[in-house]
Structures are given as structure tokens and as C-alpha cells.
Amino acid sequence: MDVRVSYKIFQLVSNINRNAVGFYRERIAGIAEKYGAKLENGNFKVTEDKRDGFFSEMRDLENVDVEIPDIKFSLEELGAVKLSVSDIAALKDFIVEE
């Protein structure tokens, strides 16, 4: 794989991990702590009386948009890269046809 394409993929994945994944993990943990009782294994259990609030906040979280980096790949750049159909599907929003 071309080093420039590798670097762009690295930038995309690290930005998504840092921004989107980190954001959602932090919010989910906060909601779990707010509505759940911590179990011995570290997980949380939401009791019946708190489920409505828990699911309401989780639905609200699903509707939050996070900013994804504006990194695009041309078909030409990806031409030499061996990608499966699932790889292409995962990257489809980042591929531009020239």
C-alpha cells in the first residue's frame, strides 16, 4: 500500500477513535453511572424504575452528531490497494469519484 494512502487511513481512523468513539464511550459511561448500579465485574445494571430515564438519554445520545474528518480518497489512490467489498463499504463515505 502506498505510504500516502496508509497515512490518510491512519489519520482517519485515529481521528474517529479520538473524537467519535471517545465521545460516545464517555457519554455512555456517564449515563450508566447515573442510572445503573455497579456490579462486582465492573458492569452496570439498570433497575426497572430507572430504565425509562436510561433509555431516553441513550436515544438522545444516538441523535448526537459528531464531526468526522474531511479526508477523502480518490479511486485512483485506492487502485493499487487490495480492498474487500466490506472494506469499500466501510470507506464509501470517504471515496470520491473523479
PDB file of N, CA and C in Angstrom:
ATOM      1  N   MET A   1       0.857  -1.181   0.000  1.00  0.00           N
ATOM      2  CA  MET A   1       0.000   0.000   0.000  1.00  0.00           C
ATOM      3  C   MET A   1       0.897   1.236   0.000  1.00  0.00           C
ATOM      4  N   ASP A   2       0.499   2.198  -0.767  1.00  0.00           N
ATOM      5  CA  ASP A   2       1.223   3.460  -0.861  1.00  0.00           C
ATOM      6  C   ASP A   2       1.260   4.132   0.513  1.00  0.00           C
ATOM      7  N   VAL A   3       2.403   4.692   0.854  1.00  0.00           N
ATOM      8  CA  VAL A   3       2.565   5.311   2.166  1.00  0.00           C
ATOM      9  C   VAL A   3       1.595   6.475   2.379  1.00  0.00           C
ATOM     10  N   ARG A   4       1.282   7.228   1.332  1.00  0.00           N
ATOM     11  CA  ARG A   4       0.341   8.350   1.465  1.00  0.00           C
ATOM     12  C   ARG A   4      -1.067   7.856   1.792  1.00  0.00           C
ATOM     13  N   VAL A   5      -1.474   6.771   1.148  1.00  0.00           N
ATOM     14  CA  VAL A   5      -2.796   6.201   1.430  1.00  0.00           C
ATOM     15  C   VAL A   5      -2.817   5.634   2.841  1.00  0.00           C
ATOM     16  N   SER A   6      -1.753   4.958   3.229  1.00  0.00           N
ATOM     17  CA  SER A   6      -1.657   4.417   4.591  1.00  0.00           C
ATOM     18  C   SER A   6      -1.773   5.531   5.624  1.00  0.00           C
ATOM     19  N   TYR A   7      -1.085   6.631   5.369  1.00  0.00           N
ATOM     20  CA  TYR A   7      -1.117   7.747   6.306  1.00  0.00           C
ATOM     21  C   TYR A   7      -2.511   8.357   6.383  1.00  0.00           C
ATOM     22  N   LYS A   8      -3.190   8.512   5.250  1.00  0.00           N
ATOM     23  CA  LYS A   8      -4.538   9.073   5.260  1.00  0.00           C
ATOM     24  C   LYS A   8      -5.497   8.162   6.025  1.00  0.00           C
ATOM     25  N   ILE A   9      -5.359   6.861   5.836  1.00  0.00           N
ATOM     26  CA  ILE A   9      -6.195   5.911   6.583  1.00  0.00           C
ATOM     27  C   ILE A   9      -5.891   6.018   8.070  1.00  0.00           C
ATOM     28  N   PHE A  10      -4.629   6.116   8.411  1.00  0.00           N
ATOM     29  CA  PHE A  10      -4.237   6.282   9.811  1.00  0.00           C
ATOM     30  C   PHE A  10      -4.859   7.547  10.401  1.00  0.00           C
ATOM     31  N   GLN A  11      -4.792   8.659   9.672  1.00  0.00           N
ATOM     32  CA  GLN A  11      -5.373   9.912  10.143  1.00  0.00           C
ATOM     33  C   GLN A  11      -6.875   9.770  10.356  1.00  0.00           C
ATOM     34  N   LEU A  12      -7.538   9.138   9.423  1.00  0.00           N
ATOM     35  CA  LEU A  12      -8.981   8.963   9.514  1.00  0.00           C
ATOM     36  C   LEU A  12      -9.355   8.123  10.733  1.00  0.00           C
ATOM     37  N   VAL A  13      -8.715   6.982  10.891  1.00  0.00           N
ATOM     38  CA  VAL A  13      -9.037   6.073  11.996  1.00  0.00           C
ATOM     39  C   VAL A  13      -8.704   6.714  13.333  1.00  0.00           C
ATOM     40  N   SER A  14      -7.539   7.359  13.452  1.00  0.00           N
ATOM     41  CA  SER A  14      -7.200   7.950  14.750  1.00  0.00           C
ATOM     42  C   SER A  14      -8.100   9.120  15.093  1.00  0.00           C
ATOM     43  N   ASN A  15      -8.506   9.887  14.106  1.00  0.00           N
ATOM     44  CA  ASN A  15      -9.416  10.996  14.377  1.00  0.00           C
ATOM     45  C   ASN A  15     -10.781  10.488  14.815  1.00  0.00           C
ATOM     46  N   ILE A  16     -11.288   9.470  14.162  1.00  0.00           N
ATOM     47  CA  ILE A  16     -12.577   8.894  14.544  1.00  0.00           C
ATOM     48  C   ILE A  16     -12.481   8.296  15.944  1.00  0.00           C
ATOM     49  N   ASN A  17     -11.418   7.558  16.223  1.00  0.00           N
ATOM     50  CA  ASN A  17     -11.250   6.964  17.551  1.00  0.00           C
ATOM     51  C   ASN A  17     -11.169   8.028  18.634  1.00  0.00           C
ATOM     52  N   ARG A  18     -10.419   9.069  18.363  1.00  0.00           N
ATOM     53  CA  ARG A  18     -10.217  10.127  19.351  1.00  0.00           C
ATOM     54  C   ARG A  18     -11.499  10.931  19.574  1.00  0.00           C
ATOM     55  N   ASN A  19     -12.176  11.294  18.508  1.00  0.00           N
ATOM     56  CA  ASN A  19     -13.337  12.173  18.629  1.00  0.00           C
ATOM     57  C   ASN A  19     -14.638  11.420  18.841  1.00  0.00           C
ATOM     58  N   ALA A  20     -15.028  10.619  17.892  1.00  0.00           N
ATOM     59  CA  ALA A  20     -16.340   9.974  17.952  1.00  0.00           C
ATOM     60  C   ALA A  20     -16.396   8.874  19.000  1.00  0.00           C
ATOM     61  N   VAL A  21     -15.490   7.928  18.914  1.00  0.00           N
ATOM     62  CA  VAL A  21     -15.529   6.788  19.832  1.00  0.00           C
ATOM     63  C   VAL A  21     -15.319   7.250  21.271  1.00  0.00           C
ATOM     64  N   GLY A  22     -14.350   8.114  21.482  1.00  0.00           N
ATOM     65  CA  GLY A  22     -14.095   8.629  22.823  1.00  0.00           C
ATOM     66  C   GLY A  22     -15.293   9.379  23.385  1.00  0.00           C
ATOM     67  N   PHE A  23     -15.923  10.179  22.552  1.00  0.00           N
ATOM     68  CA  PHE A  23     -17.102  10.936  22.970  1.00  0.00           C
ATOM     69  C   PHE A  23     -18.213   9.992  23.414  1.00  0.00           C
ATOM     70  N   TYR A  24     -18.536   9.019  22.570  1.00  0.00           N
ATOM     71  CA  TYR A  24     -19.630   8.098  22.893  1.00  0.00           C
ATOM     72  C   TYR A  24     -19.316   7.243  24.112  1.00  0.00           C
ATOM     73  N   ARG A  25     -18.097   6.756  24.223  1.00  0.00           N
ATOM     74  CA  ARG A  25     -17.732   5.950  25.395  1.00  0.00           C
ATOM     75  C   ARG A  25     -17.895   6.749  26.690  1.00  0.00           C
ATOM     76  N   GLU A  26     -17.438   7.988  26.655  1.00  0.00           N
ATOM     77  CA  GLU A  26     -17.531   8.848  27.832  1.00  0.00           C
ATOM     78  C   GLU A  26     -18.990   9.107  28.215  1.00  0.00           C
ATOM     79  N   ARG A  27     -19.817   9.402  27.220  1.00  0.00           N
ATOM     80  CA  ARG A  27     -21.230   9.684  27.494  1.00  0.00           C
ATOM     81  C   ARG A  27     -21.966   8.433  27.977  1.00  0.00           C
ATOM     82  N   ILE A  28     -21.707   7.300  27.354  1.00  0.00           N
ATOM     83  CA  ILE A  28     -22.362   6.053  27.756  1.00  0.00           C
ATOM     84  C   ILE A  28     -21.982   5.699  29.191  1.00  0.00           C
ATOM     85  N   ALA A  29     -20.712   5.863  29.522  1.00  0.00           N
ATOM     86  CA  ALA A  29     -20.271   5.584  30.897  1.00  0.00           C
ATOM     87  C   ALA A  29     -20.992   6.489  31.886  1.00  0.00           C
ATOM     88  N   GLY A  30     -21.147   7.760  31.537  1.00  0.00           N
ATOM     89  CA  GLY A  30     -21.839   8.693  32.413  1.00  0.00           C
ATOM     90  C   GLY A  30     -23.304   8.332  32.607  1.00  0.00           C
ATOM     91  N   ILE A  31     -23.956   7.923  31.529  1.00  0.00           N
ATOM     92  CA  ILE A  31     -25.363   7.525  31.619  1.00  0.00           C
ATOM     93  C   ILE A  31     -25.493   6.249  32.449  1.00  0.00           C
ATOM     94  N   ALA A  32     -24.582   5.305  32.251  1.00  0.00           N
ATOM     95  CA  ALA A  32     -24.609   4.050  33.021  1.00  0.00           C
ATOM     96  C   ALA A  32     -24.420   4.329  34.511  1.00  0.00           C
ATOM     97  N   GLU A  33     -23.492   5.220  34.832  1.00  0.00           N
ATOM     98  CA  GLU A  33     -23.265   5.560  36.243  1.00  0.00           C
ATOM     99  C   GLU A  33     -24.471   6.278  36.847  1.00  0.00           C
ATOM    100  N   LYS A  34     -25.111   7.115  36.060  1.00  0.00           N
ATOM    101  CA  LYS A  34     -26.255   7.885  36.539  1.00  0.00           C
ATOM    102  C   LYS A  34     -27.458   6.988  36.845  1.00  0.00           C
ATOM    103  N   TYR A  35     -27.706   6.015  35.989  1.00  0.00           N
ATOM    104  CA  TYR A  35     -28.913   5.204  36.119  1.00  0.00           C
ATOM    105  C   TYR A  35     -28.663   3.784  36.611  1.00  0.00           C
ATOM    106  N   GLY A  36     -27.420   3.350  36.643  1.00  0.00           N
ATOM    107  CA  GLY A  36     -27.159   1.964  36.975  1.00  0.00           C
ATOM    108  C   GLY A  36     -26.487   1.769  38.316  1.00  0.00           C
ATOM    109  N   ALA A  37     -26.549   0.535  38.763  1.00  0.00           N
ATOM    110  CA  ALA A  37     -25.828   0.123  39.969  1.00  0.00           C
ATOM    111  C   ALA A  37     -24.626  -0.681  39.498  1.00  0.00           C
ATOM    112  N   LYS A  38     -23.452  -0.342  40.003  1.00  0.00           N
ATOM    113  CA  LYS A  38     -22.233  -1.007  39.560  1.00  0.00           C
ATOM    114  C   LYS A  38     -22.158  -2.410  40.161  1.00  0.00           C
ATOM    115  N   LEU A  39     -21.900  -3.378  39.295  1.00  0.00           N
ATOM    116  CA  LEU A  39     -21.766  -4.774  39.707  1.00  0.00           C
ATOM    117  C   LEU A  39     -20.310  -5.074  40.040  1.00  0.00           C
ATOM    118  N   GLU A  40     -20.072  -6.210  40.664  1.00  0.00           N
ATOM    119  CA  GLU A  40     -18.709  -6.601  41.045  1.00  0.00           C
ATOM    120  C   GLU A  40     -17.772  -6.709  39.840  1.00  0.00           C
ATOM    121  N   ASN A  41     -18.303  -7.103  38.690  1.00  0.00           N
ATOM    122  CA  ASN A  41     -17.476  -7.270  37.500  1.00  0.00           C
ATOM    123  C   ASN A  41     -17.192  -5.954  36.777  1.00  0.00           C
ATOM    124  N   GLY A  42     -17.698  -4.842  37.322  1.00  0.00           N
ATOM    125  CA  GLY A  42     -17.444  -3.532  36.727  1.00  0.00           C
ATOM    126  C   GLY A  42     -18.543  -3.044  35.797  1.00  0.00           C
ATOM    127  N   ASN A  43     -19.441  -3.931  35.407  1.00  0.00           N
ATOM    128  CA  ASN A  43     -20.574  -3.530  34.572  1.00  0.00           C
ATOM    129  C   ASN A  43     -21.628  -2.837  35.428  1.00  0.00           C
ATOM    130  N   PHE A  44     -22.620  -2.295  34.749  1.00  0.00           N
ATOM    131  CA  PHE A  44     -23.712  -1.624  35.441  1.00  0.00           C
ATOM    132  C   PHE A  44     -25.016  -2.335  35.133  1.00  0.00           C
ATOM    133  N   LYS A  45     -25.889  -2.360  36.108  1.00  0.00           N
ATOM    134  CA  LYS A  45     -27.230  -2.909  35.915  1.00  0.00           C
ATOM    135  C   LYS A  45     -28.221  -1.798  36.210  1.00  0.00           C
ATOM    136  N   VAL A  46     -29.103  -1.566  35.237  1.00  0.00           N
ATOM    137  CA  VAL A  46     -30.121  -0.527  35.380  1.00  0.00           C
ATOM    138  C   VAL A  46     -31.370  -1.189  35.954  1.00  0.00           C
ATOM    139  N   THR A  47     -31.841  -0.647  37.046  1.00  0.00           N
ATOM    140  CA  THR A  47     -33.034  -1.204  37.678  1.00  0.00           C
ATOM    141  C   THR A  47     -34.286  -0.766  36.912  1.00  0.00           C
ATOM    142  N   GLU A  48     -35.343  -1.518  37.108  1.00  0.00           N
ATOM    143  CA  GLU A  48     -36.609  -1.292  36.397  1.00  0.00           C
ATOM    144  C   GLU A  48     -37.107   0.144  36.551  1.00  0.00           C
ATOM    145  N   ASP A  49     -36.988   0.709  37.733  1.00  0.00           N
ATOM    146  CA  ASP A  49     -37.514   2.052  37.974  1.00  0.00           C
ATOM    147  C   ASP A  49     -36.706   3.160  37.291  1.00  0.00           C
ATOM    148  N   LYS A  50     -35.509   2.842  36.815  1.00  0.00           N
ATOM    149  CA  LYS A  50     -34.670   3.860  36.160  1.00  0.00           C
ATOM    150  C   LYS A  50     -34.517   3.615  34.663  1.00  0.00           C
ATOM    151  N   ARG A  51     -35.160   2.584  34.147  1.00  0.00           N
ATOM    152  CA  ARG A  51     -34.987   2.231  32.729  1.00  0.00           C
ATOM    153  C   ARG A  51     -35.490   3.304  31.767  1.00  0.00           C
ATOM    154  N   ASP A  52     -36.613   3.915  32.075  1.00  0.00           N
ATOM    155  CA  ASP A  52     -37.145   4.933  31.160  1.00  0.00           C
ATOM    156  C   ASP A  52     -36.160   6.086  30.982  1.00  0.00           C
ATOM    157  N   GLY A  53     -35.607   6.579  32.089  1.00  0.00           N
ATOM    158  CA  GLY A  53     -34.630   7.660  32.008  1.00  0.00           C
ATOM    159  C   GLY A  53     -33.378   7.233  31.272  1.00  0.00           C
ATOM    160  N   PHE A  54     -32.921   6.009  31.560  1.00  0.00           N
ATOM    161  CA  PHE A  54     -31.723   5.475  30.909  1.00  0.00           C
ATOM    162  C   PHE A  54     -31.923   5.405  29.393  1.00  0.00           C
ATOM    163  N   PHE A  55     -33.022   4.779  28.969  1.00  0.00           N
ATOM    164  CA  PHE A  55     -33.252   4.631  27.531  1.00  0.00           C
ATOM    165  C   PHE A  55     -33.530   5.964  26.855  1.00  0.00           C
ATOM    166  N   SER A  56     -34.137   6.881  27.553  1.00  0.00           N
ATOM    167  CA  SER A  56     -34.367   8.209  26.995  1.00  0.00           C
ATOM    168  C   SER A  56     -33.042   8.911  26.702  1.00  0.00           C
ATOM    169  N   GLU A  57     -32.122   8.869  27.665  1.00  0.00           N
ATOM    170  CA  GLU A  57     -30.816   9.510  27.448  1.00  0.00           C
ATOM    171  C   GLU A  57     -29.997   8.779  26.384  1.00  0.00           C
ATOM    172  N   MET A  58     -30.127   7.458  26.314  1.00  0.00           N
ATOM    173  CA  MET A  58     -29.404   6.710  25.280  1.00  0.00           C
ATOM    174  C   MET A  58     -29.950   7.064  23.891  1.00  0.00           C
ATOM    175  N   ARG A  59     -31.264   7.227  23.760  1.00  0.00           N
ATOM    176  CA  ARG A  59     -31.844   7.644  22.474  1.00  0.00           C
ATOM    177  C   ARG A  59     -31.369   9.046  22.099  1.00  0.00           C
ATOM    178  N   ASP A  60     -31.320   9.935  23.090  1.00  0.00           N
ATOM    179  CA  ASP A  60     -30.803  11.280  22.824  1.00  0.00           C
ATOM    180  C   ASP A  60     -29.360  11.218  22.334  1.00  0.00           C
ATOM    181  N   LEU A  61     -28.575  10.348  22.937  1.00  0.00           N
ATOM    182  CA  LEU A  61     -27.169  10.200  22.544  1.00  0.00           C
ATOM    183  C   LEU A  61     -27.049   9.681  21.112  1.00  0.00           C
ATOM    184  N   GLU A  62     -27.943   8.786  20.726  1.00  0.00           N
ATOM    185  CA  GLU A  62     -27.919   8.262  19.355  1.00  0.00           C
ATOM    186  C   GLU A  62     -28.120   9.368  18.326  1.00  0.00           C
ATOM    187  N   ASN A  63     -28.798  10.428  18.712  1.00  0.00           N
ATOM    188  CA  ASN A  63     -29.094  11.511  17.785  1.00  0.00           C
ATOM    189  C   ASN A  63     -28.033  12.605  17.749  1.00  0.00           C
ATOM    190  N   VAL A  64     -26.985  12.451  18.529  1.00  0.00           N
ATOM    191  CA  VAL A  64     -25.911  13.437  18.547  1.00  0.00           C
ATOM    192  C   VAL A  64     -24.963  13.165  17.372  1.00  0.00           C
ATOM    193  N   ASP A  65     -24.708  14.184  16.607  1.00  0.00           N
ATOM    194  CA  ASP A  65     -23.760  14.061  15.500  1.00  0.00           C
ATOM    195  C   ASP A  65     -22.372  14.461  15.976  1.00  0.00           C
ATOM    196  N   VAL A  66     -21.402  13.686  15.590  1.00  0.00           N
ATOM    197  CA  VAL A  66     -20.019  14.052  15.871  1.00  0.00           C
ATOM    198  C   VAL A  66     -19.341  14.370  14.551  1.00  0.00           C
ATOM    199  N   GLU A  67     -18.367  15.226  14.627  1.00  0.00           N
ATOM    200  CA  GLU A  67     -17.679  15.658  13.420  1.00  0.00           C
ATOM    201  C   GLU A  67     -16.679  14.607  12.975  1.00  0.00           C
ATOM    202  N   ILE A  68     -16.805  14.223  11.732  1.00  0.00           N
ATOM    203  CA  ILE A  68     -15.890  13.262  11.117  1.00  0.00           C
ATOM    204  C   ILE A  68     -14.926  14.073  10.244  1.00  0.00           C
ATOM    205  N   PRO A  69     -13.659  13.715  10.260  1.00  0.00           N
ATOM    206  CA  PRO A  69     -12.693  14.497   9.476  1.00  0.00           C
ATOM    207  C   PRO A  69     -13.015  14.483   7.986  1.00  0.00           C
ATOM    208  N   ASP A  70     -12.661  15.548   7.331  1.00  0.00           N
ATOM    209  CA  ASP A  70     -12.894  15.675   5.893  1.00  0.00           C
ATOM    210  C   ASP A  70     -11.700  15.105   5.132  1.00  0.00           C
ATOM    211  N   ILE A  71     -11.567  13.805   5.198  1.00  0.00           N
ATOM    212  CA  ILE A  71     -10.490  13.106   4.496  1.00  0.00           C
ATOM    213  C   ILE A  71     -11.138  12.281   3.404  1.00  0.00           C
ATOM    214  N   LYS A  72     -10.683  12.459   2.182  1.00  0.00           N
ATOM    215  CA  LYS A  72     -11.257  11.754   1.036  1.00  0.00           C
ATOM    216  C   LYS A  72     -10.164  10.970   0.312  1.00  0.00           C
ATOM    217  N   PHE A  73     -10.599   9.869  -0.293  1.00  0.00           N
ATOM    218  CA  PHE A  73      -9.711   9.034  -1.098  1.00  0.00           C
ATOM    219  C   PHE A  73     -10.266   8.989  -2.509  1.00  0.00           C
ATOM    220  N   SER A  74      -9.391   9.157  -3.472  1.00  0.00           N
ATOM    221  CA  SER A  74      -9.823   9.025  -4.862  1.00  0.00           C
ATOM    222  C   SER A  74      -9.726   7.545  -5.256  1.00  0.00           C
ATOM    223  N   LEU A  75     -10.499   7.181  -6.266  1.00  0.00           N
ATOM    224  CA  LEU A  75     -10.418   5.805  -6.761  1.00  0.00           C
ATOM    225  C   LEU A  75      -9.010   5.507  -7.274  1.00  0.00           C
ATOM    226  N   GLU A  76      -8.373   6.520  -7.822  1.00  0.00           N
ATOM    227  CA  GLU A  76      -7.001   6.357  -8.312  1.00  0.00           C
ATOM    228  C   GLU A  76      -6.050   6.007  -7.167  1.00  0.00           C
ATOM    229  N   GLU A  77      -6.185   6.709  -6.033  1.00  0.00           N
ATOM    230  CA  GLU A  77      -5.341   6.421  -4.868  1.00  0.00           C
ATOM    231  C   GLU A  77      -5.531   4.990  -4.377  1.00  0.00           C
ATOM    232  N   LEU A  78      -6.775   4.541  -4.402  1.00  0.00           N
ATOM    233  CA  LEU A  78      -7.084   3.221  -3.864  1.00  0.00           C
ATOM    234  C   LEU A  78      -6.905   2.108  -4.888  1.00  0.00           C
ATOM    235  N   GLY A  79      -6.579   2.483  -6.128  1.00  0.00           N
ATOM    236  CA  GLY A  79      -6.456   1.498  -7.199  1.00  0.00           C
ATOM    237  C   GLY A  79      -5.452   0.398  -6.923  1.00  0.00           C
ATOM    238  N   ALA A  80      -4.346   0.725  -6.280  1.00  0.00           N
ATOM    239  CA  ALA A  80      -3.292  -0.260  -6.012  1.00  0.00           C
ATOM    240  C   ALA A  80      -3.491  -0.981  -4.681  1.00  0.00           C
ATOM    241  N   VAL A  81      -4.538  -0.614  -3.960  1.00  0.00           N
ATOM    242  CA  VAL A  81      -4.781  -1.195  -2.640  1.00  0.00           C
ATOM    243  C   VAL A  81      -5.774  -2.342  -2.779  1.00  0.00           C
ATOM    244  N   LYS A  82      -5.463  -3.459  -2.169  1.00  0.00           N
ATOM    245  CA  LYS A  82      -6.387  -4.596  -2.194  1.00  0.00           C
ATOM    246  C   LYS A  82      -7.426  -4.389  -1.092  1.00  0.00           C
ATOM    247  N   LEU A  83      -8.658  -4.149  -1.528  1.00  0.00           N
ATOM    248  CA  LEU A  83      -9.743  -3.916  -0.587  1.00  0.00           C
ATOM    249  C   LEU A  83     -10.861  -4.918  -0.842  1.00  0.00           C
ATOM    250  N   SER A  84     -11.432  -5.422   0.231  1.00  0.00           N
ATOM    251  CA  SER A  84     -12.590  -6.302   0.103  1.00  0.00           C
ATOM    252  C   SER A  84     -13.828  -5.431  -0.085  1.00  0.00           C
ATOM    253  N   VAL A  85     -14.918  -6.076  -0.415  1.00  0.00           N
ATOM    254  CA  VAL A  85     -16.178  -5.352  -0.560  1.00  0.00           C
ATOM    255  C   VAL A  85     -16.559  -4.695   0.761  1.00  0.00           C
ATOM    256  N   SER A  86     -16.330  -5.377   1.878  1.00  0.00           N
ATOM    257  CA  SER A  86     -16.661  -4.784   3.180  1.00  0.00           C
ATOM    258  C   SER A  86     -15.743  -3.604   3.494  1.00  0.00           C
ATOM    259  N   ASP A  87     -14.478  -3.653   3.061  1.00  0.00           N
ATOM    260  CA  ASP A  87     -13.573  -2.511   3.241  1.00  0.00           C
ATOM    261  C   ASP A  87     -14.095  -1.297   2.460  1.00  0.00           C
ATOM    262  N   ILE A  88     -14.503  -1.547   1.232  1.00  0.00           N
ATOM    263  CA  ILE A  88     -15.019  -0.462   0.392  1.00  0.00           C
ATOM    264  C   ILE A  88     -16.303   0.098   0.994  1.00  0.00           C
ATOM    265  N   ALA A  89     -17.158  -0.781   1.494  1.00  0.00           N
ATOM    266  CA  ALA A  89     -18.399  -0.323   2.126  1.00  0.00           C
ATOM    267  C   ALA A  89     -18.098   0.558   3.327  1.00  0.00           C
ATOM    268  N   ALA A  90     -17.093   0.193   4.113  1.00  0.00           N
ATOM    269  CA  ALA A  90     -16.731   0.985   5.289  1.00  0.00           C
ATOM    270  C   ALA A  90     -16.166   2.347   4.892  1.00  0.00           C
ATOM    271  N   LEU A  91     -15.506   2.412   3.756  1.00  0.00           N
ATOM    272  CA  LEU A  91     -14.879   3.656   3.302  1.00  0.00           C
ATOM    273  C   LEU A  91     -15.745   4.464   2.332  1.00  0.00           C
ATOM    274  N   LYS A  92     -16.931   3.972   1.985  1.00  0.00           N
ATOM    275  CA  LYS A  92     -17.708   4.582   0.905  1.00  0.00           C
ATOM    276  C   LYS A  92     -17.949   6.080   1.076  1.00  0.00           C
ATOM    277  N   ASP A  93     -18.139   6.539   2.294  1.00  0.00           N
ATOM    278  CA  ASP A  93     -18.375   7.971   2.515  1.00  0.00           C
ATOM    279  C   ASP A  93     -17.107   8.809   2.334  1.00  0.00           C
ATOM    280  N   PHE A  94     -15.979   8.143   2.225  1.00  0.00           N
ATOM    281  CA  PHE A  94     -14.694   8.836   2.118  1.00  0.00           C
ATOM    282  C   PHE A  94     -14.068   8.676   0.738  1.00  0.00           C
ATOM    283  N   ILE A  95     -14.787   8.025  -0.177  1.00  0.00           N
ATOM    284  CA  ILE A  95     -14.276   7.803  -1.526  1.00  0.00           C
ATOM    285  C   ILE A  95     -14.981   8.759  -2.475  1.00  0.00           C
ATOM    286  N   VAL A  96     -14.184   9.445  -3.283  1.00  0.00           N
ATOM    287  CA  VAL A  96     -14.742  10.335  -4.303  1.00  0.00           C
ATOM    288  C   VAL A  96     -14.341   9.824  -5.668  1.00  0.00           C
ATOM    289  N   GLU A  97     -15.298   9.879  -6.577  1.00  0.00           N
ATOM    290  CA  GLU A  97     -15.004   9.514  -7.956  1.00  0.00           C
ATOM    291  C   GLU A  97     -14.565  10.772  -8.688  1.00  0.00           C
ATOM    292  N   GLU A  98     -13.553  10.628  -9.486  1.00  0.00           N
ATOM    293  CA  GLU A  98     -13.049  11.805 -10.208  1.00  0.00           C
ATOM    294  C   GLU A  98     -13.637  11.893 -11.585  1.00  0.00           C
TER     295      GLU A  98
END
